[in-house]
């Protein structure tokens, strides 16, 4: 028998646990601005499943919200918007269209 819970006065089946998001937040990196995007993308792509990082924010060089990498100037806001978007998709954050906010950022318009 699956665990149940009461919500809004009704009995519901418990939701299965979601995959844990993996992330890294750093002030700087060993890579330079010119090599950061390619280097971090290559490193993250080499890991799958539970070993994979979903978001990597380097305030100095940019944020990887796989497969996109932001500009250094937008690294923190890009990280926050990508994190909130992923949490919303998992059902654990408010239902807000974060992409609407992101459309004003150059990094969201880039295709990598």
PDB file of N, CA and C in Angstrom:
ATOM      1  N   UNK A   1       0.841  -1.180   0.000  1.00  0.00           N
ATOM      2  CA  UNK A   1       0.000   0.000   0.000  1.00  0.00           C
ATOM      3  C   UNK A   1       0.888   1.247   0.000  1.00  0.00           C
ATOM      4  N   UNK A   2       0.593   2.166  -0.916  1.00  0.00           N
ATOM      5  CA  UNK A   2       1.372   3.407  -1.004  1.00  0.00           C
ATOM      6  C   UNK A   2       0.980   4.358   0.116  1.00  0.00           C
ATOM      7  N   UNK A   3       1.950   5.115   0.601  1.00  0.00           N
ATOM      8  CA  UNK A   3       1.625   6.118   1.618  1.00  0.00           C
ATOM      9  C   UNK A   3       0.625   7.133   1.063  1.00  0.00           C
ATOM     10  N   UNK A   4      -0.199   7.666   1.937  1.00  0.00           N
ATOM     11  CA  UNK A   4      -1.179   8.666   1.525  1.00  0.00           C
ATOM     12  C   UNK A   4      -1.046   9.898   2.407  1.00  0.00           C
ATOM     13  N   UNK A   5      -1.666  10.981   1.942  1.00  0.00           N
ATOM     14  CA  UNK A   5      -1.693  12.209   2.724  1.00  0.00           C
ATOM     15  C   UNK A   5      -3.021  12.905   2.499  1.00  0.00           C
ATOM     16  N   UNK A   6      -3.338  13.795   3.406  1.00  0.00           N
ATOM     17  CA  UNK A   6      -4.576  14.556   3.283  1.00  0.00           C
ATOM     18  C   UNK A   6      -4.217  15.967   2.847  1.00  0.00           C
ATOM     19  N   UNK A   7      -4.861  16.418   1.764  1.00  0.00           N
ATOM     20  CA  UNK A   7      -4.654  17.763   1.244  1.00  0.00           C
ATOM     21  C   UNK A   7      -6.006  18.322   0.845  1.00  0.00           C
ATOM     22  N   UNK A   8      -6.325  19.514   1.322  1.00  0.00           N
ATOM     23  CA  UNK A   8      -7.617  20.150   1.053  1.00  0.00           C
ATOM     24  C   UNK A   8      -8.774  19.236   1.460  1.00  0.00           C
ATOM     25  N   UNK A   9      -8.574  18.485   2.551  1.00  0.00           N
ATOM     26  CA  UNK A   9      -9.625  17.630   3.072  1.00  0.00           C
ATOM     27  C   UNK A   9      -9.837  16.331   2.326  1.00  0.00           C
ATOM     28  N   UNK A  10      -8.984  16.039   1.344  1.00  0.00           N
ATOM     29  CA  UNK A  10      -9.125  14.808   0.562  1.00  0.00           C
ATOM     30  C   UNK A  10      -7.883  13.947   0.722  1.00  0.00           C
ATOM     31  N   UNK A  11      -8.091  12.638   0.617  1.00  0.00           N
ATOM     32  CA  UNK A  11      -7.003  11.681   0.705  1.00  0.00           C
ATOM     33  C   UNK A  11      -6.332  11.533  -0.657  1.00  0.00           C
ATOM     34  N   UNK A  12      -5.012  11.668  -0.703  1.00  0.00           N
ATOM     35  CA  UNK A  12      -4.244  11.558  -1.943  1.00  0.00           C
ATOM     36  C   UNK A  12      -3.080  10.597  -1.746  1.00  0.00           C
ATOM     37  N   UNK A  13      -2.674   9.954  -2.846  1.00  0.00           N
ATOM     38  CA  UNK A  13      -1.466   9.133  -2.804  1.00  0.00           C
ATOM     39  C   UNK A  13      -0.256  10.047  -2.689  1.00  0.00           C
ATOM     40  N   UNK A  14       0.719   9.623  -1.943  1.00  0.00           N
ATOM     41  CA  UNK A  14       1.945  10.407  -1.804  1.00  0.00           C
ATOM     42  C   UNK A  14       2.667  10.479  -3.148  1.00  0.00           C
ATOM     43  N   UNK A  15       3.314  11.574  -3.387  1.00  0.00           N
ATOM     44  CA  UNK A  15       4.065  11.779  -4.624  1.00  0.00           C
ATOM     45  C   UNK A  15       5.433  11.120  -4.479  1.00  0.00           C
ATOM     46  N   UNK A  16       5.869  10.467  -5.536  1.00  0.00           N
ATOM     47  CA  UNK A  16       7.202   9.861  -5.500  1.00  0.00           C
ATOM     48  C   UNK A  16       8.263  10.953  -5.438  1.00  0.00           C
ATOM     49  N   UNK A  17       9.338  10.714  -4.703  1.00  0.00           N
ATOM     50  CA  UNK A  17      10.397  11.722  -4.606  1.00  0.00           C
ATOM     51  C   UNK A  17      10.993  12.041  -5.977  1.00  0.00           C
ATOM     52  N   UNK A  18      11.269  13.308  -6.208  1.00  0.00           N
ATOM     53  CA  UNK A  18      11.892  13.764  -7.450  1.00  0.00           C
ATOM     54  C   UNK A  18      13.402  13.546  -7.377  1.00  0.00           C
ATOM     55  N   UNK A  19      14.009  13.543  -8.535  1.00  0.00           N
ATOM     56  CA  UNK A  19      15.462  13.504  -8.615  1.00  0.00           C
ATOM     57  C   UNK A  19      16.002  14.781  -7.978  1.00  0.00           C
ATOM     58  N   UNK A  20      17.065  14.667  -7.215  1.00  0.00           N
ATOM     59  CA  UNK A  20      17.686  15.822  -6.571  1.00  0.00           C
ATOM     60  C   UNK A  20      18.490  16.593  -7.612  1.00  0.00           C
ATOM     61  N   UNK A  21      18.264  17.901  -7.682  1.00  0.00           N
ATOM     62  CA  UNK A  21      19.053  18.737  -8.590  1.00  0.00           C
ATOM     63  C   UNK A  21      20.456  18.897  -8.026  1.00  0.00           C
ATOM     64  N   UNK A  22      21.442  18.826  -8.916  1.00  0.00           N
ATOM     65  CA  UNK A  22      22.824  19.030  -8.510  1.00  0.00           C
ATOM     66  C   UNK A  22      23.312  20.374  -9.006  1.00  0.00           C
ATOM     67  N   UNK A  23      24.001  21.102  -8.156  1.00  0.00           N
ATOM     68  CA  UNK A  23      24.482  22.409  -8.573  1.00  0.00           C
ATOM     69  C   UNK A  23      25.762  22.809  -7.877  1.00  0.00           C
ATOM     70  N   UNK A  24      26.389  23.817  -8.443  1.00  0.00           N
ATOM     71  CA  UNK A  24      27.636  24.350  -7.904  1.00  0.00           C
ATOM     72  C   UNK A  24      27.593  25.859  -8.065  1.00  0.00           C
ATOM     73  N   UNK A  25      27.916  26.574  -7.004  1.00  0.00           N
ATOM     74  CA  UNK A  25      27.967  28.031  -7.029  1.00  0.00           C
ATOM     75  C   UNK A  25      29.357  28.450  -6.574  1.00  0.00           C
ATOM     76  N   UNK A  26      30.069  29.182  -7.435  1.00  0.00           N
ATOM     77  CA  UNK A  26      31.442  29.597  -7.130  1.00  0.00           C
ATOM     78  C   UNK A  26      31.657  31.048  -7.538  1.00  0.00           C
ATOM     79  N   UNK A  27      32.605  31.678  -6.901  1.00  0.00           N
ATOM     80  CA  UNK A  27      32.946  33.055  -7.240  1.00  0.00           C
ATOM     81  C   UNK A  27      33.806  33.155  -8.481  1.00  0.00           C
ATOM     82  N   UNK A  28      34.693  32.179  -8.661  1.00  0.00           N
ATOM     83  CA  UNK A  28      35.595  32.189  -9.818  1.00  0.00           C
ATOM     84  C   UNK A  28      35.928  30.755 -10.204  1.00  0.00           C
ATOM     85  N   UNK A  29      36.702  30.606 -11.269  1.00  0.00           N
ATOM     86  CA  UNK A  29      37.118  29.271 -11.717  1.00  0.00           C
ATOM     87  C   UNK A  29      38.553  29.331 -12.220  1.00  0.00           C
ATOM     88  N   UNK A  30      39.130  28.163 -12.456  1.00  0.00           N
ATOM     89  CA  UNK A  30      40.498  28.111 -12.988  1.00  0.00           C
ATOM     90  C   UNK A  30      40.531  28.444 -14.472  1.00  0.00           C
ATOM     91  N   UNK A  31      39.374  28.400 -15.137  1.00  0.00           N
ATOM     92  CA  UNK A  31      39.315  28.719 -16.557  1.00  0.00           C
ATOM     93  C   UNK A  31      39.162  30.226 -16.741  1.00  0.00           C
ATOM     94  N   UNK A  32      39.626  30.719 -17.844  1.00  0.00           N
ATOM     95  CA  UNK A  32      39.440  32.123 -18.174  1.00  0.00           C
ATOM     96  C   UNK A  32      38.080  32.338 -18.809  1.00  0.00           C
ATOM     97  N   UNK A  33      37.710  33.592 -18.967  1.00  0.00           N
ATOM     98  CA  UNK A  33      36.409  33.917 -19.554  1.00  0.00           C
ATOM     99  C   UNK A  33      36.258  33.328 -20.951  1.00  0.00           C
ATOM    100  N   UNK A  34      37.339  33.324 -21.720  1.00  0.00           N
ATOM    101  CA  UNK A  34      37.285  32.828 -23.102  1.00  0.00           C
ATOM    102  C   UNK A  34      37.101  31.313 -23.179  1.00  0.00           C
ATOM    103  N   UNK A  35      37.559  30.570 -22.166  1.00  0.00           N
ATOM    104  CA  UNK A  35      37.499  29.105 -22.216  1.00  0.00           C
ATOM    105  C   UNK A  35      36.440  28.508 -21.292  1.00  0.00           C
ATOM    106  N   UNK A  36      35.810  29.327 -20.471  1.00  0.00           N
ATOM    107  CA  UNK A  36      34.879  28.814 -19.466  1.00  0.00           C
ATOM    108  C   UNK A  36      33.733  28.016 -20.079  1.00  0.00           C
ATOM    109  N   UNK A  37      33.035  28.594 -21.042  1.00  0.00           N
ATOM    110  CA  UNK A  37      31.836  27.944 -21.603  1.00  0.00           C
ATOM    111  C   UNK A  37      32.149  26.562 -22.166  1.00  0.00           C
ATOM    112  N   UNK A  38      33.167  26.456 -23.004  1.00  0.00           N
ATOM    113  CA  UNK A  38      33.512  25.157 -23.589  1.00  0.00           C
ATOM    114  C   UNK A  38      33.995  24.178 -22.528  1.00  0.00           C
ATOM    115  N   UNK A  39      34.813  24.650 -21.602  1.00  0.00           N
ATOM    116  CA  UNK A  39      35.385  23.769 -20.576  1.00  0.00           C
ATOM    117  C   UNK A  39      34.321  23.224 -19.635  1.00  0.00           C
ATOM    118  N   UNK A  40      33.442  24.086 -19.135  1.00  0.00           N
ATOM    119  CA  UNK A  40      32.433  23.620 -18.186  1.00  0.00           C
ATOM    120  C   UNK A  40      31.400  22.732 -18.868  1.00  0.00           C
ATOM    121  N   UNK A  41      31.051  23.050 -20.100  1.00  0.00           N
ATOM    122  CA  UNK A  41      30.101  22.215 -20.846  1.00  0.00           C
ATOM    123  C   UNK A  41      30.674  20.821 -21.053  1.00  0.00           C
ATOM    124  N   UNK A  42      31.939  20.746 -21.426  1.00  0.00           N
ATOM    125  CA  UNK A  42      32.600  19.456 -21.639  1.00  0.00           C
ATOM    126  C   UNK A  42      32.669  18.657 -20.333  1.00  0.00           C
ATOM    127  N   UNK A  43      32.993  19.309 -19.233  1.00  0.00           N
ATOM    128  CA  UNK A  43      33.079  18.613 -17.944  1.00  0.00           C
ATOM    129  C   UNK A  43      31.728  18.066 -17.498  1.00  0.00           C
ATOM    130  N   UNK A  44      30.699  18.876 -17.604  1.00  0.00           N
ATOM    131  CA  UNK A  44      29.369  18.453 -17.165  1.00  0.00           C
ATOM    132  C   UNK A  44      28.814  17.367 -18.081  1.00  0.00           C
ATOM    133  N   UNK A  45      29.038  17.484 -19.379  1.00  0.00           N
ATOM    134  CA  UNK A  45      28.522  16.496 -20.333  1.00  0.00           C
ATOM    135  C   UNK A  45      29.120  15.113 -20.100  1.00  0.00           C
ATOM    136  N   UNK A  46      30.267  15.048 -19.457  1.00  0.00           N
ATOM    137  CA  UNK A  46      30.924  13.772 -19.193  1.00  0.00           C
ATOM    138  C   UNK A  46      30.286  12.975 -18.071  1.00  0.00           C
ATOM    139  N   UNK A  47      29.293  13.526 -17.397  1.00  0.00           N
ATOM    140  CA  UNK A  47      28.647  12.850 -16.269  1.00  0.00           C
ATOM    141  C   UNK A  47      27.158  12.688 -16.548  1.00  0.00           C
ATOM    142  N   UNK A  48      26.616  11.562 -16.153  1.00  0.00           N
ATOM    143  CA  UNK A  48      25.200  11.250 -16.398  1.00  0.00           C
ATOM    144  C   UNK A  48      24.508  10.877 -15.089  1.00  0.00           C
ATOM    145  N   UNK A  49      23.195  10.891 -15.121  1.00  0.00           N
ATOM    146  CA  UNK A  49      22.395  10.435 -13.985  1.00  0.00           C
ATOM    147  C   UNK A  49      22.668  11.207 -12.709  1.00  0.00           C
ATOM    148  N   UNK A  50      22.864  10.484 -11.619  1.00  0.00           N
ATOM    149  CA  UNK A  50      23.073  11.096 -10.311  1.00  0.00           C
ATOM    150  C   UNK A  50      24.392  11.858 -10.202  1.00  0.00           C
ATOM    151  N   UNK A  51      25.321  11.627 -11.113  1.00  0.00           N
ATOM    152  CA  UNK A  51      26.617  12.311 -11.073  1.00  0.00           C
ATOM    153  C   UNK A  51      26.589  13.661 -11.780  1.00  0.00           C
ATOM    154  N   UNK A  52      25.533  13.939 -12.508  1.00  0.00           N
ATOM    155  CA  UNK A  52      25.485  15.139 -13.343  1.00  0.00           C
ATOM    156  C   UNK A  52      25.113  16.385 -12.535  1.00  0.00           C
ATOM    157  N   UNK A  53      25.787  17.480 -12.836  1.00  0.00           N
ATOM    158  CA  UNK A  53      25.425  18.781 -12.278  1.00  0.00           C
ATOM    159  C   UNK A  53      24.417  19.434 -13.219  1.00  0.00           C
ATOM    160  N   UNK A  54      23.316  19.893 -12.672  1.00  0.00           N
ATOM    161  CA  UNK A  54      22.280  20.528 -13.482  1.00  0.00           C
ATOM    162  C   UNK A  54      22.582  22.003 -13.730  1.00  0.00           C
ATOM    163  N   UNK A  55      23.154  22.651 -12.741  1.00  0.00           N
ATOM    164  CA  UNK A  55      23.466  24.075 -12.827  1.00  0.00           C
ATOM    165  C   UNK A  55      24.844  24.334 -12.239  1.00  0.00           C
ATOM    166  N   UNK A  56      25.634  25.132 -12.929  1.00  0.00           N
ATOM    167  CA  UNK A  56      26.945  25.539 -12.423  1.00  0.00           C
ATOM    168  C   UNK A  56      27.046  27.045 -12.601  1.00  0.00           C
ATOM    169  N   UNK A  57      27.177  27.761 -11.493  1.00  0.00           N
ATOM    170  CA  UNK A  57      27.280  29.219 -11.546  1.00  0.00           C
ATOM    171  C   UNK A  57      28.669  29.644 -11.099  1.00  0.00           C
ATOM    172  N   UNK A  58      29.361  30.310 -11.978  1.00  0.00           N
ATOM    173  CA  UNK A  58      30.637  30.945 -11.661  1.00  0.00           C
ATOM    174  C   UNK A  58      30.393  32.443 -11.849  1.00  0.00           C
ATOM    175  N   UNK A  59      30.326  33.175 -10.767  1.00  0.00           N
ATOM    176  CA  UNK A  59      29.983  34.593 -10.846  1.00  0.00           C
ATOM    177  C   UNK A  59      30.912  35.368 -11.769  1.00  0.00           C
ATOM    178  N   UNK A  60      32.170  34.968 -11.824  1.00  0.00           N
ATOM    179  CA  UNK A  60      33.158  35.679 -12.637  1.00  0.00           C
ATOM    180  C   UNK A  60      33.042  35.385 -14.131  1.00  0.00           C
ATOM    181  N   UNK A  61      32.623  34.154 -14.496  1.00  0.00           N
ATOM    182  CA  UNK A  61      32.684  33.751 -15.905  1.00  0.00           C
ATOM    183  C   UNK A  61      31.355  33.393 -16.560  1.00  0.00           C
ATOM    184  N   UNK A  62      30.317  33.082 -15.791  1.00  0.00           N
ATOM    185  CA  UNK A  62      29.036  32.718 -16.382  1.00  0.00           C
ATOM    186  C   UNK A  62      28.386  31.552 -15.663  1.00  0.00           C
ATOM    187  N   UNK A  63      27.196  31.204 -16.110  1.00  0.00           N
ATOM    188  CA  UNK A  63      26.444  30.090 -15.532  1.00  0.00           C
ATOM    189  C   UNK A  63      26.085  29.098 -16.616  1.00  0.00           C
ATOM    190  N   UNK A  64      26.281  27.823 -16.300  1.00  0.00           N
ATOM    191  CA  UNK A  64      25.847  26.746 -17.183  1.00  0.00           C
ATOM    192  C   UNK A  64      24.490  26.279 -16.694  1.00  0.00           C
ATOM    193  N   UNK A  65      23.472  26.475 -17.517  1.00  0.00           N
ATOM    194  CA  UNK A  65      22.139  25.917 -17.306  1.00  0.00           C
ATOM    195  C   UNK A  65      21.936  24.996 -18.482  1.00  0.00           C
ATOM    196  N   UNK A  66      22.569  23.847 -18.437  1.00  0.00           N
ATOM    197  CA  UNK A  66      22.774  22.952 -19.573  1.00  0.00           C
ATOM    198  C   UNK A  66      21.587  22.955 -20.519  1.00  0.00           C
ATOM    199  N   UNK A  67      21.767  23.200 -21.795  1.00  0.00           N
ATOM    200  CA  UNK A  67      23.019  23.317 -22.538  1.00  0.00           C
ATOM    201  C   UNK A  67      23.503  24.759 -22.739  1.00  0.00           C
ATOM    202  N   UNK A  68      22.798  25.747 -22.177  1.00  0.00           N
ATOM    203  CA  UNK A  68      23.189  27.137 -22.386  1.00  0.00           C
ATOM    204  C   UNK A  68      24.182  27.611 -21.337  1.00  0.00           C
ATOM    205  N   UNK A  69      25.043  28.558 -21.742  1.00  0.00           N
ATOM    206  CA  UNK A  69      25.966  29.213 -20.821  1.00  0.00           C
ATOM    207  C   UNK A  69      25.710  30.714 -20.922  1.00  0.00           C
ATOM    208  N   UNK A  70      25.534  31.356 -19.770  1.00  0.00           N
ATOM    209  CA  UNK A  70      25.243  32.790 -19.756  1.00  0.00           C
ATOM    210  C   UNK A  70      26.510  33.615 -19.930  1.00  0.00           C
ATOM    211  N   UNK A  71      26.306  34.889 -20.121  1.00  0.00           N
ATOM    212  CA  UNK A  71      27.425  35.832 -20.108  1.00  0.00           C
ATOM    213  C   UNK A  71      27.820  36.068 -18.649  1.00  0.00           C
ATOM    214  N   UNK A  72      29.055  36.517 -18.395  1.00  0.00           N
ATOM    215  CA  UNK A  72      29.470  36.796 -17.016  1.00  0.00           C
ATOM    216  C   UNK A  72      28.576  37.839 -16.329  1.00  0.00           C
ATOM    217  N   UNK A  73      28.146  38.836 -17.078  1.00  0.00           N
ATOM    218  CA  UNK A  73      27.337  39.911 -16.500  1.00  0.00           C
ATOM    219  C   UNK A  73      25.979  39.422 -16.000  1.00  0.00           C
ATOM    220  N   UNK A  74      25.495  38.334 -16.543  1.00  0.00           N
ATOM    221  CA  UNK A  74      24.166  37.819 -16.187  1.00  0.00           C
ATOM    222  C   UNK A  74      24.235  36.498 -15.430  1.00  0.00           C
ATOM    223  N   UNK A  75      25.409  36.129 -14.924  1.00  0.00           N
ATOM    224  CA  UNK A  75      25.569  34.794 -14.342  1.00  0.00           C
ATOM    225  C   UNK A  75      24.642  34.528 -13.159  1.00  0.00           C
ATOM    226  N   UNK A  76      24.513  35.459 -12.234  1.00  0.00           N
ATOM    227  CA  UNK A  76      23.702  35.194 -11.049  1.00  0.00           C
ATOM    228  C   UNK A  76      22.207  35.151 -11.365  1.00  0.00           C
ATOM    229  N   UNK A  77      21.701  36.109 -12.104  1.00  0.00           N
ATOM    230  CA  UNK A  77      20.270  36.110 -12.420  1.00  0.00           C
ATOM    231  C   UNK A  77      19.915  34.933 -13.332  1.00  0.00           C
ATOM    232  N   UNK A  78      20.807  34.579 -14.251  1.00  0.00           N
ATOM    233  CA  UNK A  78      20.598  33.415 -15.115  1.00  0.00           C
ATOM    234  C   UNK A  78      20.497  32.157 -14.256  1.00  0.00           C
ATOM    235  N   UNK A  79      21.396  32.015 -13.270  1.00  0.00           N
ATOM    236  CA  UNK A  79      21.389  30.878 -12.351  1.00  0.00           C
ATOM    237  C   UNK A  79      20.063  30.815 -11.585  1.00  0.00           C
ATOM    238  N   UNK A  80      19.646  31.928 -11.023  1.00  0.00           N
ATOM    239  CA  UNK A  80      18.417  31.956 -10.225  1.00  0.00           C
ATOM    240  C   UNK A  80      17.201  31.611 -11.080  1.00  0.00           C
ATOM    241  N   UNK A  81      17.102  32.214 -12.258  1.00  0.00           N
ATOM    242  CA  UNK A  81      15.950  31.936 -13.119  1.00  0.00           C
ATOM    243  C   UNK A  81      15.929  30.490 -13.591  1.00  0.00           C
ATOM    244  N   UNK A  82      17.087  29.939 -13.925  1.00  0.00           N
ATOM    245  CA  UNK A  82      17.147  28.526 -14.339  1.00  0.00           C
ATOM    246  C   UNK A  82      16.776  27.606 -13.179  1.00  0.00           C
ATOM    247  N   UNK A  83      17.262  27.913 -11.974  1.00  0.00           N
ATOM    248  CA  UNK A  83      16.937  27.099 -10.808  1.00  0.00           C
ATOM    249  C   UNK A  83      15.436  27.132 -10.529  1.00  0.00           C
ATOM    250  N   UNK A  84      14.855  28.320 -10.516  1.00  0.00           N
ATOM    251  CA  UNK A  84      13.417  28.431 -10.268  1.00  0.00           C
ATOM    252  C   UNK A  84      12.604  27.735 -11.349  1.00  0.00           C
ATOM    253  N   UNK A  85      13.044  27.833 -12.587  1.00  0.00           N
ATOM    254  CA  UNK A  85      12.341  27.159 -13.686  1.00  0.00           C
ATOM    255  C   UNK A  85      12.373  25.638 -13.497  1.00  0.00           C
ATOM    256  N   UNK A  86      13.511  25.103 -13.088  1.00  0.00           N
ATOM    257  CA  UNK A  86      13.608  23.649 -12.867  1.00  0.00           C
ATOM    258  C   UNK A  86      12.784  23.212 -11.665  1.00  0.00           C
ATOM    259  N   UNK A  87      12.796  24.009 -10.606  1.00  0.00           N
ATOM    260  CA  UNK A  87      11.982  23.680  -9.440  1.00  0.00           C
ATOM    261  C   UNK A  87      10.497  23.735  -9.781  1.00  0.00           C
ATOM    262  N   UNK A  88      10.087  24.729 -10.561  1.00  0.00           N
ATOM    263  CA  UNK A  88       8.687  24.830 -10.970  1.00  0.00           C
ATOM    264  C   UNK A  88       8.279  23.605 -11.780  1.00  0.00           C
ATOM    265  N   UNK A  89       9.153  23.167 -12.681  1.00  0.00           N
ATOM    266  CA  UNK A  89       8.864  21.988 -13.503  1.00  0.00           C
ATOM    267  C   UNK A  89       8.710  20.732 -12.644  1.00  0.00           C
ATOM    268  N   UNK A  90       9.397  20.708 -11.506  1.00  0.00           N
ATOM    269  CA  UNK A  90       9.294  19.577 -10.590  1.00  0.00           C
ATOM    270  C   UNK A  90       8.073  19.707  -9.676  1.00  0.00           C
ATOM    271  N   UNK A  91       7.430  20.860  -9.708  1.00  0.00           N
ATOM    272  CA  UNK A  91       6.268  21.077  -8.864  1.00  0.00           C
ATOM    273  C   UNK A  91       6.608  21.558  -7.474  1.00  0.00           C
ATOM    274  N   UNK A  92       7.800  22.125  -7.277  1.00  0.00           N
ATOM    275  CA  UNK A  92       8.205  22.548  -5.940  1.00  0.00           C
ATOM    276  C   UNK A  92       8.453  24.045  -5.837  1.00  0.00           C
ATOM    277  N   UNK A  93       8.039  24.804  -6.819  1.00  0.00           N
ATOM    278  CA  UNK A  93       8.194  26.261  -6.780  1.00  0.00           C
ATOM    279  C   UNK A  93       6.924  26.895  -7.338  1.00  0.00           C
ATOM    280  N   UNK A  94       6.702  28.164  -7.040  1.00  0.00           N
ATOM    281  CA  UNK A  94       5.482  28.823  -7.524  1.00  0.00           C
ATOM    282  C   UNK A  94       5.336  28.737  -9.039  1.00  0.00           C
ATOM    283  N   UNK A  95       4.099  28.627  -9.487  1.00  0.00           N
ATOM    284  CA  UNK A  95       3.814  28.536 -10.923  1.00  0.00           C
ATOM    285  C   UNK A  95       3.887  29.923 -11.548  1.00  0.00           C
ATOM    286  N   UNK A  96       5.093  30.357 -11.837  1.00  0.00           N
ATOM    287  CA  UNK A  96       5.353  31.655 -12.456  1.00  0.00           C
ATOM    288  C   UNK A  96       6.111  31.399 -13.749  1.00  0.00           C
ATOM    289  N   UNK A  97       5.845  32.164 -14.781  1.00  0.00           N
ATOM    290  CA  UNK A  97       6.574  32.010 -16.041  1.00  0.00           C
ATOM    291  C   UNK A  97       7.904  32.747 -15.932  1.00  0.00           C
ATOM    292  N   UNK A  98       8.905  32.089 -15.361  1.00  0.00           N
ATOM    293  CA  UNK A  98      10.221  32.706 -15.159  1.00  0.00           C
ATOM    294  C   UNK A  98      10.893  33.020 -16.481  1.00  0.00           C
ATOM    295  N   UNK A  99      10.558  32.282 -17.523  1.00  0.00           N
ATOM    296  CA  UNK A  99      11.146  32.547 -18.835  1.00  0.00           C
ATOM    297  C   UNK A  99      10.758  33.937 -19.334  1.00  0.00           C
ATOM    298  N   UNK A 100       9.593  34.416 -18.925  1.00  0.00           N
ATOM    299  CA  UNK A 100       9.176  35.759 -19.321  1.00  0.00           C
ATOM    300  C   UNK A 100      10.157  36.800 -18.780  1.00  0.00           C
ATOM    301  N   UNK A 101      10.604  36.616 -17.553  1.00  0.00           N
ATOM    302  CA  UNK A 101      11.619  37.511 -16.994  1.00  0.00           C
ATOM    303  C   UNK A 101      12.945  37.323 -17.723  1.00  0.00           C
ATOM    304  N   UNK A 102      13.271  36.084 -18.024  1.00  0.00           N
ATOM    305  CA  UNK A 102      14.538  35.768 -18.677  1.00  0.00           C
ATOM    306  C   UNK A 102      14.660  36.301 -20.084  1.00  0.00           C
ATOM    307  N   UNK A 103      13.550  36.491 -20.769  1.00  0.00           N
ATOM    308  CA  UNK A 103      13.601  36.957 -22.158  1.00  0.00           C
ATOM    309  C   UNK A 103      14.254  38.326 -22.304  1.00  0.00           C
ATOM    310  N   UNK A 104      14.317  39.087 -21.226  1.00  0.00           N
ATOM    311  CA  UNK A 104      14.963  40.398 -21.292  1.00  0.00           C
ATOM    312  C   UNK A 104      16.483  40.284 -21.185  1.00  0.00           C
ATOM    313  N   UNK A 105      17.004  39.086 -20.893  1.00  0.00           N
ATOM    314  CA  UNK A 105      18.445  38.865 -20.771  1.00  0.00           C
ATOM    315  C   UNK A 105      19.009  38.322 -22.073  1.00  0.00           C
ATOM    316  N   UNK A 106      20.124  38.861 -22.498  1.00  0.00           N
ATOM    317  CA  UNK A 106      20.772  38.397 -23.723  1.00  0.00           C
ATOM    318  C   UNK A 106      21.128  36.923 -23.675  1.00  0.00           C
ATOM    319  N   UNK A 107      21.521  36.409 -22.515  1.00  0.00           N
ATOM    320  CA  UNK A 107      21.938  35.009 -22.389  1.00  0.00           C
ATOM    321  C   UNK A 107      20.804  34.034 -22.672  1.00  0.00           C
ATOM    322  N   UNK A 108      19.566  34.403 -22.413  1.00  0.00           N
ATOM    323  CA  UNK A 108      18.436  33.523 -22.680  1.00  0.00           C
ATOM    324  C   UNK A 108      18.116  33.460 -24.163  1.00  0.00           C
ATOM    325  N   UNK A 109      18.543  34.451 -24.905  1.00  0.00           N
ATOM    326  CA  UNK A 109      18.267  34.473 -26.342  1.00  0.00           C
ATOM    327  C   UNK A 109      19.337  33.738 -27.141  1.00  0.00           C
ATOM    328  N   UNK A 110      20.482  33.458 -26.521  1.00  0.00           N
ATOM    329  CA  UNK A 110      21.585  32.786 -27.219  1.00  0.00           C
ATOM    330  C   UNK A 110      21.261  31.325 -27.454  1.00  0.00           C
ATOM    331  N   UNK A 111      21.734  30.797 -28.532  1.00  0.00           N
ATOM    332  CA  UNK A 111      21.650  29.355 -28.811  1.00  0.00           C
ATOM    333  C   UNK A 111      23.077  28.840 -28.824  1.00  0.00           C
ATOM    334  N   UNK A 112      23.347  27.826 -27.986  1.00  0.00           N
ATOM    335  CA  UNK A 112      24.701  27.260 -27.936  1.00  0.00           C
ATOM    336  C   UNK A 112      24.740  25.912 -28.575  1.00  0.00           C
TER     337      UNK A 112
END
